[in-house]
Amino acid sequence: MAEKSERLLNLYIMLLAQTRFVSKQDIRRAHYGEYADNPRGHEAFEKAFERDKDDLRELGVVIEVGSLDNYFDDELGYRISPDTSSLPEIRFGADEAAVLGIAARAWEQATLARATTEAMRKLAAQGVEIDTSRLDLVPPSLRAEEPAFDACWEATQKRRVITFDYRRPGEEAASRRLQPWGVVRSSGRWYVVGFDLDRQAERVFRLSRVQGKVTLTGKSAAYDVPAGTDVQAVAHNLVHRTPDIEATVLVRQRTGVALRRLSSSIDEDVAGPDDASGWDRVTVSGQARDLVGSVLALGPNAVLETPEDLRSDVVSRLRGVAS
């Protein structure tokens, strides 16, 4: 399958790059080497070439057929016109462009930063103006420092089996074989989710516990992700969750909608740190990382009161930003 896909792509590029029609013999020599100099391979080449043309046409590619000579039409050639193969112009609104801008700034991981940076270059070529300085107030950051990230991400895109050594706390590292379905982030950590070939069951592995190199094995498209699989939900169900922490947060009125939705109680019109507006006291439960992140995201519109260790964490992070 990979060999055929490469041949189709090379044929497409060859015909698209030509300003004139290309003879069938030139195509045969360039991309059908196994039939190039073998007289008996003529019929096999004809069948392969016809199949490849049909495959390209099914993908929407228009292959033009014309004479190689202006005066004689006894030999035909082939080409692809850019006018019939170019994609329609894509335009982004200000909100869509802003999302791509945030993504380009957020991703610090080289694997995905390349994709977002390329998207930004294309936006600039289209004349879409993005004022990235407006994002300096809350610069997002998504970093995947685990060495296993790149290989796991690549494997999910190509649907290739991976092998790696994995060490649970208090245990020796053990070799695992996985059909990866996706890479997800939860509570500040990265996980790879998939089907464990040795355990014959769904499993999730924290990337920071992967020991050594992750190896991609076998062919691409070696398996299918089960239809309807929600990788994020699988990770949430399989990852051991620590008990939720109850916290009280002062939230400025008419802000903090997400926190309010998760709250178990809300005391309205309480004393706050300033008199610029009214304040409410919200009681909410969740994971420590999630609660701290939610409070920090609200900036001056939220103050974490209790528990004290979470409050200290918020203060420490704010001081780090200020310095």
Protein backbone atom coordinates (compact mmCIF):
# COMPACT_ATOMS: atom_id res chain seq x y z
CA MET A 1 0.00 0.00 0.00
CA ALA A 2 2.80 2.45 0.88
CA GLU A 3 4.62 1.64 -2.40
CA LYS A 4 1.47 2.25 -4.45
CA SER A 5 0.72 5.50 -2.63
CA GLU A 6 4.24 6.73 -3.31
CA ARG A 7 3.94 5.78 -7.00
CA LEU A 8 0.62 7.64 -7.29
CA LEU A 9 2.08 10.73 -5.65
CA ASN A 10 5.15 10.67 -7.89
CA LEU A 11 2.99 10.23 -10.98
CA TYR A 12 0.79 13.12 -9.87
CA ILE A 13 3.79 15.40 -9.30
CA MET A 14 5.39 14.45 -12.63
CA LEU A 15 2.25 15.18 -14.66
CA LEU A 16 1.47 18.35 -12.72
CA ALA A 17 4.97 19.79 -13.14
CA GLN A 18 5.01 19.44 -16.93
CA THR A 19 4.15 22.27 -19.30
CA ARG A 20 3.78 19.82 -22.15
CA PHE A 21 2.22 16.42 -22.58
CA VAL A 22 4.36 13.50 -21.37
CA SER A 23 4.64 10.33 -23.40
CA LYS A 24 3.57 7.03 -21.97
CA GLN A 25 7.08 5.70 -22.56
CA ASP A 26 8.63 8.46 -20.44
CA ILE A 27 6.12 7.76 -17.69
CA ARG A 28 6.94 4.07 -17.87
CA ARG A 29 10.66 4.68 -17.51
CA ALA A 30 10.27 7.20 -14.68
CA HIS A 31 7.76 5.46 -12.43
CA TYR A 32 7.30 1.88 -13.56
CA GLY A 33 10.87 0.66 -13.46
CA GLU A 34 9.93 -2.98 -13.18
CA TYR A 35 8.42 -2.76 -16.68
CA ALA A 36 10.83 -0.22 -18.21
CA ASP A 37 13.11 -2.40 -20.30
CA ASN A 38 11.17 -5.63 -20.32
CA PRO A 39 9.26 -6.19 -23.58
CA ARG A 40 7.09 -8.76 -21.87
CA GLY A 41 6.13 -6.23 -19.26
CA HIS A 42 4.24 -4.02 -21.70
CA GLU A 43 0.85 -5.51 -20.94
CA ALA A 44 1.51 -5.43 -17.18
CA PHE A 45 2.56 -1.78 -17.43
CA GLU A 46 -0.57 -0.88 -19.40
CA LYS A 47 -2.78 -2.43 -16.71
CA ALA A 48 -0.88 -0.78 -13.86
CA PHE A 49 -0.91 2.62 -15.57
CA GLU A 50 -4.65 2.42 -16.26
CA ARG A 51 -5.34 1.48 -12.63
CA ASP A 52 -3.24 4.37 -11.37
CA LYS A 53 -4.98 6.84 -13.67
CA ASP A 54 -8.35 5.59 -12.45
CA ASP A 55 -7.21 5.95 -8.83
CA LEU A 56 -6.10 9.55 -9.41
CA ARG A 57 -9.35 10.38 -11.15
CA GLU A 58 -11.33 8.94 -8.24
CA LEU A 59 -9.45 11.41 -6.06
CA GLY A 60 -10.69 14.24 -8.26
CA VAL A 61 -7.55 14.69 -10.37
CA VAL A 62 -8.23 15.69 -13.99
CA ILE A 63 -5.71 14.04 -16.33
CA GLU A 64 -5.58 15.69 -19.73
CA VAL A 65 -4.80 13.63 -22.84
CA GLY A 66 -3.33 15.29 -25.94
CA SER A 67 -1.03 14.87 -28.88
CA LEU A 68 2.72 14.98 -28.39
CA ASP A 69 3.21 16.56 -31.81
CA ASN A 70 1.49 19.62 -33.18
CA TYR A 71 1.34 18.06 -36.64
CA PHE A 72 0.78 14.40 -35.92
CA ASP A 73 -1.67 12.89 -33.45
CA ASP A 74 -0.56 9.28 -33.67
CA GLU A 75 1.03 9.31 -30.17
CA LEU A 76 -0.76 10.61 -27.12
CA GLY A 77 0.64 12.18 -24.00
CA TYR A 78 -0.62 13.05 -20.53
CA ARG A 79 -0.48 15.98 -18.16
CA ILE A 80 -2.34 17.57 -15.25
CA SER A 81 -3.29 21.23 -15.48
CA PRO A 82 -2.76 23.29 -12.31
CA ASP A 83 -6.02 25.09 -13.09
CA THR A 84 -8.00 21.89 -12.63
CA SER A 85 -6.03 20.60 -9.65
CA SER A 86 -5.55 23.61 -7.39
CA LEU A 87 -7.60 23.82 -4.22
CA PRO A 88 -10.19 26.57 -3.90
CA GLU A 89 -9.07 29.63 -2.01
CA ILE A 90 -9.46 29.26 1.73
CA ARG A 91 -10.28 32.33 3.76
CA PHE A 92 -10.38 32.59 7.54
CA GLY A 93 -12.37 35.01 9.60
CA ALA A 94 -10.75 36.98 12.40
CA ASP A 95 -11.90 34.50 15.07
CA GLU A 96 -10.61 31.48 13.13
CA ALA A 97 -7.31 33.18 12.45
CA ALA A 98 -7.00 34.03 16.14
CA VAL A 99 -7.45 30.36 17.08
CA LEU A 100 -4.64 29.37 14.72
CA GLY A 101 -2.53 32.16 16.16
CA ILE A 102 -3.02 30.85 19.68
CA ALA A 103 -2.18 27.32 18.53
CA ALA A 104 1.02 28.51 16.89
CA ARG A 105 2.09 30.27 20.07
CA ALA A 106 0.93 27.55 22.42
CA TRP A 107 2.76 24.61 20.91
CA GLU A 108 6.38 24.49 21.96
CA GLN A 109 6.79 20.84 20.93
CA ALA A 110 8.74 20.69 17.67
CA THR A 111 6.52 18.00 16.14
CA LEU A 112 3.35 20.08 16.26
CA ALA A 113 4.98 23.51 16.22
CA ARG A 114 6.00 22.86 12.61
CA ALA A 115 2.38 22.35 11.61
CA THR A 116 1.07 25.45 13.38
CA THR A 117 3.95 27.59 12.11
CA GLU A 118 3.22 26.48 8.55
CA ALA A 119 -0.44 27.38 9.05
CA MET A 120 0.59 30.85 10.19
CA ARG A 121 2.79 31.32 7.11
CA LYS A 122 -0.13 30.40 4.86
CA LEU A 123 -2.37 32.87 6.66
CA ALA A 124 0.21 35.61 6.17
CA ALA A 125 0.41 34.74 2.45
CA GLN A 126 -3.35 35.18 2.24
CA GLY A 127 -3.08 38.63 3.74
CA VAL A 128 -4.82 37.72 7.01
CA GLU A 129 -3.59 40.11 9.68
CA ILE A 130 -3.01 38.60 13.12
CA ASP A 131 -1.86 40.83 15.92
CA THR A 132 0.02 38.29 18.04
CA SER A 133 0.97 40.97 20.55
CA ARG A 134 -2.62 40.84 21.79
CA LEU A 135 -1.93 37.32 23.04
CA ASP A 136 0.89 38.41 25.35
CA LEU A 137 -1.49 38.92 28.28
CA VAL A 138 -1.99 35.19 28.78
CA PRO A 139 0.65 33.38 26.74
CA PRO A 140 -0.48 29.73 26.57
CA SER A 141 2.09 26.97 26.69
CA LEU A 142 1.76 23.32 25.74
CA ARG A 143 5.03 21.47 26.13
CA ALA A 144 5.72 17.78 25.76
CA GLU A 145 9.12 17.21 27.28
CA GLU A 146 8.80 13.42 27.38
CA PRO A 147 11.22 11.83 24.86
CA ALA A 148 8.51 9.31 23.96
CA PHE A 149 6.10 11.95 22.67
CA ASP A 150 7.32 12.27 19.08
CA ALA A 151 7.39 8.54 18.37
CA CYS A 152 3.97 7.95 19.95
CA TRP A 153 2.45 10.85 18.03
CA GLU A 154 3.92 9.59 14.75
CA ALA A 155 2.64 6.08 15.42
CA THR A 156 -0.92 7.30 16.01
CA GLN A 157 -0.87 9.16 12.70
CA LYS A 158 0.49 6.19 10.75
CA ARG A 159 -1.36 3.51 12.78
CA ARG A 160 1.81 1.54 13.46
CA VAL A 161 2.45 -0.73 16.43
CA ILE A 162 4.93 0.54 19.02
CA THR A 163 7.10 -1.34 21.51
CA PHE A 164 8.62 0.22 24.62
CA ASP A 165 9.71 -0.46 28.17
CA TYR A 166 7.32 0.82 30.82
CA ARG A 167 7.95 1.14 34.54
CA ARG A 168 5.20 1.48 37.10
CA PRO A 169 6.06 2.91 40.54
CA GLY A 170 7.77 0.26 42.67
CA GLU A 171 8.08 -2.19 39.77
CA GLU A 172 10.74 -3.19 37.26
CA ALA A 173 10.40 -1.95 33.69
CA ALA A 174 8.51 -4.36 31.42
CA SER A 175 8.27 -4.51 27.63
CA ARG A 176 4.89 -3.53 26.16
CA ARG A 177 3.38 -3.72 22.67
CA LEU A 178 0.65 -1.25 21.82
CA GLN A 179 -1.59 -0.26 18.94
CA PRO A 180 -1.75 3.49 19.77
CA TRP A 181 -5.09 5.23 19.22
CA GLY A 182 -4.12 8.70 20.36
CA VAL A 183 -1.97 10.91 22.58
CA VAL A 184 -3.86 12.98 25.15
CA ARG A 185 -3.10 15.41 27.95
CA SER A 186 -4.78 15.12 31.32
CA SER A 187 -4.02 16.92 34.59
CA GLY A 188 -0.79 18.31 33.16
CA ARG A 189 0.54 14.93 31.99
CA TRP A 190 0.75 13.23 28.59
CA TYR A 191 -0.62 9.73 27.96
CA VAL A 192 -0.75 7.36 25.01
CA VAL A 193 -3.98 5.38 24.72
CA GLY A 194 -4.44 2.21 22.71
CA PHE A 195 -4.86 -1.55 22.57
CA ASP A 196 -2.29 -3.58 24.51
CA LEU A 197 -1.42 -6.59 22.32
CA ASP A 198 -0.06 -8.61 25.25
CA ARG A 199 -2.95 -7.95 27.63
CA GLN A 200 -5.54 -7.90 24.80
CA ALA A 201 -7.27 -4.91 26.38
CA GLU A 202 -7.50 -1.12 26.29
CA ARG A 203 -4.64 0.47 28.17
CA VAL A 204 -3.25 3.94 28.88
CA PHE A 205 0.43 4.69 29.57
CA ARG A 206 1.92 7.82 31.06
CA LEU A 207 4.69 8.99 28.74
CA SER A 208 6.94 10.07 31.61
CA ARG A 209 7.11 6.42 32.73
CA VAL A 210 8.28 5.13 29.36
CA GLN A 211 11.88 3.97 29.64
CA GLY A 212 14.29 4.36 26.74
CA LYS A 213 13.31 4.47 23.09
CA VAL A 214 9.86 3.89 21.60
CA THR A 215 10.17 1.73 18.47
CA LEU A 216 7.68 1.74 15.60
CA THR A 217 7.26 -1.74 14.13
CA GLY A 218 5.40 -3.26 11.22
CA LYS A 219 3.62 -1.53 8.37
CA SER A 220 1.52 1.61 8.34
CA ALA A 221 -2.28 1.27 8.58
CA ALA A 222 -1.74 -2.03 10.41
CA TYR A 223 -4.91 -1.63 12.47
CA ASP A 224 -8.08 0.44 12.75
CA VAL A 225 -9.15 2.50 15.73
CA PRO A 226 -12.56 1.16 16.87
CA ALA A 227 -15.39 3.26 15.50
CA GLY A 228 -16.70 5.82 17.97
CA THR A 229 -13.65 5.67 20.22
CA ASP A 230 -13.27 8.74 22.43
CA VAL A 231 -9.58 8.64 23.34
CA GLN A 232 -9.96 11.37 25.95
CA ALA A 233 -12.78 9.46 27.64
CA VAL A 234 -10.79 6.21 27.59
CA ALA A 235 -7.84 7.95 29.24
CA HIS A 236 -10.12 9.52 31.85
CA ASN A 237 -11.65 6.15 32.74
CA LEU A 238 -8.38 4.21 32.85
CA VAL A 239 -6.03 6.66 34.54
CA HIS A 240 -5.95 6.33 38.32
CA ARG A 241 -7.47 9.50 39.67
CA THR A 242 -6.51 10.96 43.03
CA PRO A 243 -9.41 12.06 45.25
CA ASP A 244 -10.94 15.40 44.41
CA ILE A 245 -10.07 18.40 46.56
CA GLU A 246 -12.71 20.84 47.76
CA ALA A 247 -11.76 24.49 47.37
CA THR A 248 -13.39 27.85 47.98
CA VAL A 249 -12.79 30.57 45.44
CA LEU A 250 -13.80 34.22 45.44
CA VAL A 251 -15.09 34.94 41.93
CA ARG A 252 -15.99 38.35 40.58
CA GLN A 253 -19.66 38.55 39.67
CA ARG A 254 -20.56 37.83 36.03
CA THR A 255 -17.28 35.92 35.54
CA GLY A 256 -16.02 32.38 36.10
CA VAL A 257 -18.85 30.58 34.32
CA ALA A 258 -16.94 27.28 34.12
CA LEU A 259 -16.19 27.25 37.85
CA ARG A 260 -19.76 28.13 38.70
CA ARG A 261 -21.07 25.22 36.64
CA LEU A 262 -18.94 22.80 38.65
CA SER A 263 -19.72 24.33 42.02
CA SER A 264 -21.55 22.59 44.84
CA SER A 265 -22.61 25.92 46.40
CA ILE A 266 -22.40 29.65 45.73
CA ASP A 267 -22.60 32.43 48.34
CA GLU A 268 -23.51 35.67 46.62
CA ASP A 269 -22.51 39.23 47.45
CA VAL A 270 -19.63 38.49 49.80
CA ALA A 271 -16.69 40.73 50.67
CA GLY A 272 -13.95 40.61 48.06
CA PRO A 273 -10.41 41.92 47.59
CA ASP A 274 -11.64 45.10 45.88
CA ASP A 275 -14.79 47.20 45.47
CA ALA A 276 -14.69 47.44 41.69
CA SER A 277 -17.57 44.96 41.48
CA GLY A 278 -19.44 42.40 43.56
CA TRP A 279 -17.97 39.03 44.52
CA ASP A 280 -19.34 35.52 45.08
CA ARG A 281 -17.79 32.68 47.06
CA VAL A 282 -17.82 29.47 45.01
CA THR A 283 -17.25 26.03 46.53
CA VAL A 284 -15.96 23.56 43.95
CA SER A 285 -14.30 20.12 43.91
CA GLY A 286 -11.71 18.81 41.47
CA GLN A 287 -8.11 17.82 40.88
CA ALA A 288 -5.51 20.16 42.33
CA ARG A 289 -3.89 20.95 38.97
CA ASP A 290 -7.25 21.64 37.35
CA LEU A 291 -8.39 23.96 40.14
CA VAL A 292 -5.15 25.94 40.15
CA GLY A 293 -5.27 26.25 36.37
CA SER A 294 -8.88 27.44 36.43
CA VAL A 295 -8.13 30.12 39.01
CA LEU A 296 -5.03 31.34 37.18
CA ALA A 297 -6.97 31.51 33.91
CA LEU A 298 -9.41 33.98 35.49
CA GLY A 299 -6.61 36.37 36.41
CA PRO A 300 -7.83 39.27 38.60
CA ASN A 301 -11.37 37.88 38.60
CA ALA A 302 -10.67 35.01 41.01
CA VAL A 303 -8.93 34.53 44.37
CA LEU A 304 -8.42 31.03 45.79
CA GLU A 305 -9.11 31.08 49.54
CA THR A 306 -8.77 27.47 50.68
CA PRO A 307 -7.13 25.01 51.00
CA GLU A 308 -3.94 26.79 52.00
CA ASP A 309 -1.55 24.57 49.98
CA LEU A 310 -3.44 25.30 46.75
CA ARG A 311 -3.53 28.99 47.61
CA SER A 312 0.25 28.94 48.12
CA ASP A 313 0.66 27.25 44.75
CA VAL A 314 -1.38 29.96 43.02
CA VAL A 315 0.54 32.76 44.77
CA SER A 316 3.87 31.14 43.87
CA ARG A 317 2.96 30.92 40.22
CA LEU A 318 1.71 34.48 40.08
CA ARG A 319 4.94 35.71 41.65
CA GLY A 320 6.88 33.77 39.04
CA VAL A 321 4.93 35.48 36.27
CA ALA A 322 5.39 38.89 37.87
CA SER A 323 9.14 38.42 38.18
